[in-house]
């Protein structure tokens, strides 16, 4: 799938960009934004997968979640 790039101008808090660069080791603001969008997308997909299990998990008879806390 070939996707065209989307060019945009946005204002981003410089302190957040600096902190993100320090945390991730990324060098450019573009890399930080791409990384953050990728993580958001992955998190959303993981959450959707988790919700898709709702009502499908069956526990063994006598299973007590309180016992394993």
PDB file of N, CA and C in Angstrom:
ATOM      1  N   UNK A   1       0.841  -1.179   0.000  1.00  0.00           N
ATOM      2  CA  UNK A   1       0.000   0.000   0.000  1.00  0.00           C
ATOM      3  C   UNK A   1       0.887   1.243   0.000  1.00  0.00           C
ATOM      4  N   UNK A   2       0.773   2.030  -0.990  1.00  0.00           N
ATOM      5  CA  UNK A   2       1.576   3.253  -1.105  1.00  0.00           C
ATOM      6  C   UNK A   2       0.735   4.426  -0.604  1.00  0.00           C
ATOM      7  N   UNK A   3       1.237   5.047   0.451  1.00  0.00           N
ATOM      8  CA  UNK A   3       0.506   6.182   1.009  1.00  0.00           C
ATOM      9  C   UNK A   3       1.301   7.450   0.784  1.00  0.00           C
ATOM     10  N   UNK A   4       0.598   8.505   0.463  1.00  0.00           N
ATOM     11  CA  UNK A   4       1.239   9.801   0.296  1.00  0.00           C
ATOM     12  C   UNK A   4       1.515  10.401   1.660  1.00  0.00           C
ATOM     13  N   UNK A   5       2.584  11.150   1.736  1.00  0.00           N
ATOM     14  CA  UNK A   5       2.909  11.840   2.983  1.00  0.00           C
ATOM     15  C   UNK A   5       1.943  12.994   3.188  1.00  0.00           C
ATOM     16  N   UNK A   6       1.676  13.284   4.437  1.00  0.00           N
ATOM     17  CA  UNK A   6       0.782  14.384   4.793  1.00  0.00           C
ATOM     18  C   UNK A   6       1.622  15.469   5.451  1.00  0.00           C
ATOM     19  N   UNK A   7       1.778  16.560   4.793  1.00  0.00           N
ATOM     20  CA  UNK A   7       2.568  17.662   5.339  1.00  0.00           C
ATOM     21  C   UNK A   7       1.630  18.599   6.102  1.00  0.00           C
ATOM     22  N   UNK A   8       2.064  18.993   7.308  1.00  0.00           N
ATOM     23  CA  UNK A   8       1.244  19.890   8.109  1.00  0.00           C
ATOM     24  C   UNK A   8       2.141  20.765   8.976  1.00  0.00           C
ATOM     25  N   UNK A   9       1.616  21.863   9.410  1.00  0.00           N
ATOM     26  CA  UNK A   9       2.312  22.741  10.349  1.00  0.00           C
ATOM     27  C   UNK A   9       1.546  22.716  11.662  1.00  0.00           C
ATOM     28  N   UNK A  10       2.229  22.362  12.734  1.00  0.00           N
ATOM     29  CA  UNK A  10       1.587  22.328  14.044  1.00  0.00           C
ATOM     30  C   UNK A  10       2.511  22.966  15.069  1.00  0.00           C
ATOM     31  N   UNK A  11       1.920  23.465  16.132  1.00  0.00           N
ATOM     32  CA  UNK A  11       2.701  24.008  17.233  1.00  0.00           C
ATOM     33  C   UNK A  11       2.796  22.930  18.306  1.00  0.00           C
ATOM     34  N   UNK A  12       4.019  22.614  18.696  1.00  0.00           N
ATOM     35  CA  UNK A  12       4.267  21.593  19.708  1.00  0.00           C
ATOM     36  C   UNK A  12       5.082  22.227  20.824  1.00  0.00           C
ATOM     37  N   UNK A  13       4.743  21.896  22.050  1.00  0.00           N
ATOM     38  CA  UNK A  13       5.458  22.403  23.217  1.00  0.00           C
ATOM     39  C   UNK A  13       6.924  21.959  23.121  1.00  0.00           C
ATOM     40  N   UNK A  14       7.850  22.909  23.002  1.00  0.00           N
ATOM     41  CA  UNK A  14       9.271  22.559  22.847  1.00  0.00           C
ATOM     42  C   UNK A  14       9.822  21.730  24.012  1.00  0.00           C
ATOM     43  N   UNK A  15       9.344  21.991  25.211  1.00  0.00           N
ATOM     44  CA  UNK A  15       9.822  21.232  26.373  1.00  0.00           C
ATOM     45  C   UNK A  15       9.450  19.758  26.243  1.00  0.00           C
ATOM     46  N   UNK A  16       8.250  19.490  25.711  1.00  0.00           N
ATOM     47  CA  UNK A  16       7.817  18.100  25.527  1.00  0.00           C
ATOM     48  C   UNK A  16       8.640  17.405  24.446  1.00  0.00           C
ATOM     49  N   UNK A  17       8.978  18.154  23.406  1.00  0.00           N
ATOM     50  CA  UNK A  17       9.793  17.581  22.328  1.00  0.00           C
ATOM     51  C   UNK A  17      11.187  17.266  22.854  1.00  0.00           C
ATOM     52  N   UNK A  18      11.772  18.175  23.601  1.00  0.00           N
ATOM     53  CA  UNK A  18      13.109  17.949  24.165  1.00  0.00           C
ATOM     54  C   UNK A  18      13.100  16.734  25.081  1.00  0.00           C
ATOM     55  N   UNK A  19      12.093  16.653  25.948  1.00  0.00           N
ATOM     56  CA  UNK A  19      11.983  15.511  26.867  1.00  0.00           C
ATOM     57  C   UNK A  19      11.819  14.211  26.092  1.00  0.00           C
ATOM     58  N   UNK A  20      10.972  14.213  25.060  1.00  0.00           N
ATOM     59  CA  UNK A  20      10.750  13.022  24.242  1.00  0.00           C
ATOM     60  C   UNK A  20      12.032  12.591  23.535  1.00  0.00           C
ATOM     61  N   UNK A  21      12.809  13.546  23.054  1.00  0.00           N
ATOM     62  CA  UNK A  21      14.081  13.229  22.405  1.00  0.00           C
ATOM     63  C   UNK A  21      15.049  12.594  23.398  1.00  0.00           C
ATOM     64  N   UNK A  22      15.079  13.118  24.621  1.00  0.00           N
ATOM     65  CA  UNK A  22      15.957  12.562  25.652  1.00  0.00           C
ATOM     66  C   UNK A  22      15.540  11.135  26.003  1.00  0.00           C
ATOM     67  N   UNK A  23      14.246  10.922  26.142  1.00  0.00           N
ATOM     68  CA  UNK A  23      13.735   9.608  26.531  1.00  0.00           C
ATOM     69  C   UNK A  23      13.975   8.569  25.441  1.00  0.00           C
ATOM     70  N   UNK A  24      13.694   8.947  24.197  1.00  0.00           N
ATOM     71  CA  UNK A  24      13.747   7.988  23.094  1.00  0.00           C
ATOM     72  C   UNK A  24      15.103   7.899  22.415  1.00  0.00           C
ATOM     73  N   UNK A  25      15.910   8.950  22.548  1.00  0.00           N
ATOM     74  CA  UNK A  25      17.182   8.987  21.836  1.00  0.00           C
ATOM     75  C   UNK A  25      17.029   9.386  20.378  1.00  0.00           C
ATOM     76  N   UNK A  26      15.827   9.782  19.994  1.00  0.00           N
ATOM     77  CA  UNK A  26      15.596  10.225  18.618  1.00  0.00           C
ATOM     78  C   UNK A  26      16.194  11.610  18.434  1.00  0.00           C
ATOM     79  N   UNK A  27      16.563  11.930  17.200  1.00  0.00           N
ATOM     80  CA  UNK A  27      17.283  13.173  16.944  1.00  0.00           C
ATOM     81  C   UNK A  27      16.406  14.322  16.470  1.00  0.00           C
ATOM     82  N   UNK A  28      15.345  14.030  15.722  1.00  0.00           N
ATOM     83  CA  UNK A  28      14.552  15.109  15.133  1.00  0.00           C
ATOM     84  C   UNK A  28      13.128  15.102  15.671  1.00  0.00           C
ATOM     85  N   UNK A  29      12.502  16.267  15.546  1.00  0.00           N
ATOM     86  CA  UNK A  29      11.100  16.386  15.950  1.00  0.00           C
ATOM     87  C   UNK A  29      10.224  15.485  15.078  1.00  0.00           C
ATOM     88  N   UNK A  30      10.532  15.390  13.798  1.00  0.00           N
ATOM     89  CA  UNK A  30       9.769  14.522  12.906  1.00  0.00           C
ATOM     90  C   UNK A  30       9.828  13.073  13.384  1.00  0.00           C
ATOM     91  N   UNK A  31      11.018  12.615  13.785  1.00  0.00           N
ATOM     92  CA  UNK A  31      11.162  11.250  14.292  1.00  0.00           C
ATOM     93  C   UNK A  31      10.323  11.044  15.549  1.00  0.00           C
ATOM     94  N   UNK A  32      10.321  12.040  16.426  1.00  0.00           N
ATOM     95  CA  UNK A  32       9.541  11.947  17.665  1.00  0.00           C
ATOM     96  C   UNK A  32       8.051  11.856  17.352  1.00  0.00           C
ATOM     97  N   UNK A  33       7.568  12.698  16.451  1.00  0.00           N
ATOM     98  CA  UNK A  33       6.155  12.702  16.093  1.00  0.00           C
ATOM     99  C   UNK A  33       5.778  11.374  15.426  1.00  0.00           C
ATOM    100  N   UNK A  34       6.612  10.888  14.497  1.00  0.00           N
ATOM    101  CA  UNK A  34       6.349   9.595  13.842  1.00  0.00           C
ATOM    102  C   UNK A  34       6.306   8.466  14.870  1.00  0.00           C
ATOM    103  N   UNK A  35       7.246   8.484  15.803  1.00  0.00           N
ATOM    104  CA  UNK A  35       7.299   7.469  16.856  1.00  0.00           C
ATOM    105  C   UNK A  35       6.028   7.508  17.706  1.00  0.00           C
ATOM    106  N   UNK A  36       5.645   8.710  18.119  1.00  0.00           N
ATOM    107  CA  UNK A  36       4.465   8.866  18.979  1.00  0.00           C
ATOM    108  C   UNK A  36       3.187   8.403  18.264  1.00  0.00           C
ATOM    109  N   UNK A  37       3.050   8.754  16.999  1.00  0.00           N
ATOM    110  CA  UNK A  37       1.869   8.328  16.241  1.00  0.00           C
ATOM    111  C   UNK A  37       1.849   6.815  16.060  1.00  0.00           C
ATOM    112  N   UNK A  38       3.013   6.239  15.844  1.00  0.00           N
ATOM    113  CA  UNK A  38       3.103   4.777  15.731  1.00  0.00           C
ATOM    114  C   UNK A  38       2.716   4.084  17.016  1.00  0.00           C
ATOM    115  N   UNK A  39       3.186   4.611  18.142  1.00  0.00           N
ATOM    116  CA  UNK A  39       2.844   4.030  19.449  1.00  0.00           C
ATOM    117  C   UNK A  39       1.350   4.164  19.736  1.00  0.00           C
ATOM    118  N   UNK A  40       0.764   5.300  19.391  1.00  0.00           N
ATOM    119  CA  UNK A  40      -0.664   5.513  19.587  1.00  0.00           C
ATOM    120  C   UNK A  40      -1.469   4.498  18.784  1.00  0.00           C
ATOM    121  N   UNK A  41      -1.072   4.306  17.544  1.00  0.00           N
ATOM    122  CA  UNK A  41      -1.754   3.354  16.673  1.00  0.00           C
ATOM    123  C   UNK A  41      -1.639   1.940  17.228  1.00  0.00           C
ATOM    124  N   UNK A  42      -0.438   1.539  17.652  1.00  0.00           N
ATOM    125  CA  UNK A  42      -0.218   0.196  18.194  1.00  0.00           C
ATOM    126  C   UNK A  42      -1.015  -0.014  19.478  1.00  0.00           C
ATOM    127  N   UNK A  43      -1.053   1.002  20.337  1.00  0.00           N
ATOM    128  CA  UNK A  43      -1.805   0.903  21.588  1.00  0.00           C
ATOM    129  C   UNK A  43      -3.288   0.736  21.308  1.00  0.00           C
ATOM    130  N   UNK A  44      -3.777   1.475  20.345  1.00  0.00           N
ATOM    131  CA  UNK A  44      -5.190   1.392  19.986  1.00  0.00           C
ATOM    132  C   UNK A  44      -5.535  -0.001  19.462  1.00  0.00           C
ATOM    133  N   UNK A  45      -4.662  -0.560  18.615  1.00  0.00           N
ATOM    134  CA  UNK A  45      -4.899  -1.900  18.071  1.00  0.00           C
ATOM    135  C   UNK A  45      -4.863  -2.952  19.176  1.00  0.00           C
ATOM    136  N   UNK A  46      -3.927  -2.807  20.114  1.00  0.00           N
ATOM    137  CA  UNK A  46      -3.820  -3.752  21.227  1.00  0.00           C
ATOM    138  C   UNK A  46      -5.066  -3.682  22.101  1.00  0.00           C
ATOM    139  N   UNK A  47      -5.551  -2.488  22.360  1.00  0.00           N
ATOM    140  CA  UNK A  47      -6.745  -2.321  23.175  1.00  0.00           C
ATOM    141  C   UNK A  47      -7.967  -2.916  22.485  1.00  0.00           C
ATOM    142  N   UNK A  48      -8.074  -2.720  21.177  1.00  0.00           N
ATOM    143  CA  UNK A  48      -9.178  -3.300  20.412  1.00  0.00           C
ATOM    144  C   UNK A  48      -9.140  -4.820  20.478  1.00  0.00           C
ATOM    145  N   UNK A  49      -7.934  -5.386  20.383  1.00  0.00           N
ATOM    146  CA  UNK A  49      -7.789  -6.840  20.473  1.00  0.00           C
ATOM    147  C   UNK A  49      -8.231  -7.337  21.844  1.00  0.00           C
ATOM    148  N   UNK A  50      -7.870  -6.604  22.868  1.00  0.00           N
ATOM    149  CA  UNK A  50      -8.252  -6.987  24.223  1.00  0.00           C
ATOM    150  C   UNK A  50      -9.767  -6.937  24.392  1.00  0.00           C
ATOM    151  N   UNK A  51     -10.391  -5.871  23.908  1.00  0.00           N
ATOM    152  CA  UNK A  51     -11.842  -5.747  24.016  1.00  0.00           C
ATOM    153  C   UNK A  51     -12.566  -6.826  23.210  1.00  0.00           C
ATOM    154  N   UNK A  52     -11.943  -7.294  22.146  1.00  0.00           N
ATOM    155  CA  UNK A  52     -12.581  -8.330  21.331  1.00  0.00           C
ATOM    156  C   UNK A  52     -12.695  -9.648  22.089  1.00  0.00           C
ATOM    157  N   UNK A  53     -11.950  -9.795  23.181  1.00  0.00           N
ATOM    158  CA  UNK A  53     -12.027 -11.006  23.994  1.00  0.00           C
ATOM    159  C   UNK A  53     -13.180 -10.978  25.001  1.00  0.00           C
ATOM    160  N   UNK A  54     -13.815  -9.828  25.132  1.00  0.00           N
ATOM    161  CA  UNK A  54     -14.891  -9.689  26.117  1.00  0.00           C
ATOM    162  C   UNK A  54     -15.957 -10.761  25.921  1.00  0.00           C
ATOM    163  N   UNK A  55     -16.231 -11.483  26.993  1.00  0.00           N
ATOM    164  CA  UNK A  55     -17.256 -12.529  26.965  1.00  0.00           C
ATOM    165  C   UNK A  55     -16.794 -13.839  26.372  1.00  0.00           C
ATOM    166  N   UNK A  56     -15.543 -13.926  25.930  1.00  0.00           N
ATOM    167  CA  UNK A  56     -15.045 -15.142  25.295  1.00  0.00           C
ATOM    168  C   UNK A  56     -14.135 -15.965  26.197  1.00  0.00           C
ATOM    169  N   UNK A  57     -13.690 -15.366  27.302  1.00  0.00           N
ATOM    170  CA  UNK A  57     -12.789 -16.071  28.208  1.00  0.00           C
ATOM    171  C   UNK A  57     -13.617 -16.794  29.258  1.00  0.00           C
ATOM    172  N   UNK A  58     -13.354 -18.082  29.386  1.00  0.00           N
ATOM    173  CA  UNK A  58     -14.057 -18.877  30.403  1.00  0.00           C
ATOM    174  C   UNK A  58     -13.054 -19.345  31.435  1.00  0.00           C
ATOM    175  N   UNK A  59     -13.420 -19.188  32.679  1.00  0.00           N
ATOM    176  CA  UNK A  59     -12.553 -19.614  33.765  1.00  0.00           C
ATOM    177  C   UNK A  59     -12.959 -21.005  34.225  1.00  0.00           C
ATOM    178  N   UNK A  60     -11.995 -21.727  34.779  1.00  0.00           N
ATOM    179  CA  UNK A  60     -12.268 -23.068  35.292  1.00  0.00           C
ATOM    180  C   UNK A  60     -13.226 -22.987  36.468  1.00  0.00           C
ATOM    181  N   UNK A  61     -13.980 -24.036  36.633  1.00  0.00           N
ATOM    182  CA  UNK A  61     -14.880 -24.102  37.795  1.00  0.00           C
ATOM    183  C   UNK A  61     -14.068 -23.979  39.064  1.00  0.00           C
ATOM    184  N   UNK A  62     -14.553 -23.202  39.992  1.00  0.00           N
ATOM    185  CA  UNK A  62     -13.878 -23.037  41.264  1.00  0.00           C
ATOM    186  C   UNK A  62     -12.745 -22.013  41.235  1.00  0.00           C
ATOM    187  N   UNK A  63     -12.502 -21.398  40.092  1.00  0.00           N
ATOM    188  CA  UNK A  63     -11.445 -20.388  39.998  1.00  0.00           C
ATOM    189  C   UNK A  63     -11.842 -19.171  40.821  1.00  0.00           C
ATOM    190  N   UNK A  64     -10.903 -18.683  41.626  1.00  0.00           N
ATOM    191  CA  UNK A  64     -11.146 -17.504  42.449  1.00  0.00           C
ATOM    192  C   UNK A  64     -10.071 -16.464  42.179  1.00  0.00           C
ATOM    193  N   UNK A  65     -10.461 -15.370  41.529  1.00  0.00           N
ATOM    194  CA  UNK A  65      -9.478 -14.332  41.247  1.00  0.00           C
ATOM    195  C   UNK A  65      -8.939 -13.722  42.526  1.00  0.00           C
ATOM    196  N   UNK A  66      -9.737 -13.737  43.600  1.00  0.00           N
ATOM    197  CA  UNK A  66      -9.316 -13.149  44.860  1.00  0.00           C
ATOM    198  C   UNK A  66      -8.131 -13.923  45.460  1.00  0.00           C
ATOM    199  N   UNK A  67      -8.103 -15.224  45.234  1.00  0.00           N
ATOM    200  CA  UNK A  67      -7.047 -16.056  45.785  1.00  0.00           C
ATOM    201  C   UNK A  67      -5.691 -15.707  45.155  1.00  0.00           C
ATOM    202  N   UNK A  68      -5.673 -15.252  43.919  1.00  0.00           N
ATOM    203  CA  UNK A  68      -4.427 -14.989  43.210  1.00  0.00           C
ATOM    204  C   UNK A  68      -4.002 -13.518  43.235  1.00  0.00           C
ATOM    205  N   UNK A  69      -4.650 -12.716  44.036  1.00  0.00           N
ATOM    206  CA  UNK A  69      -4.265 -11.314  44.153  1.00  0.00           C
ATOM    207  C   UNK A  69      -2.946 -11.159  44.834  1.00  0.00           C
TER     208      UNK A  69
END
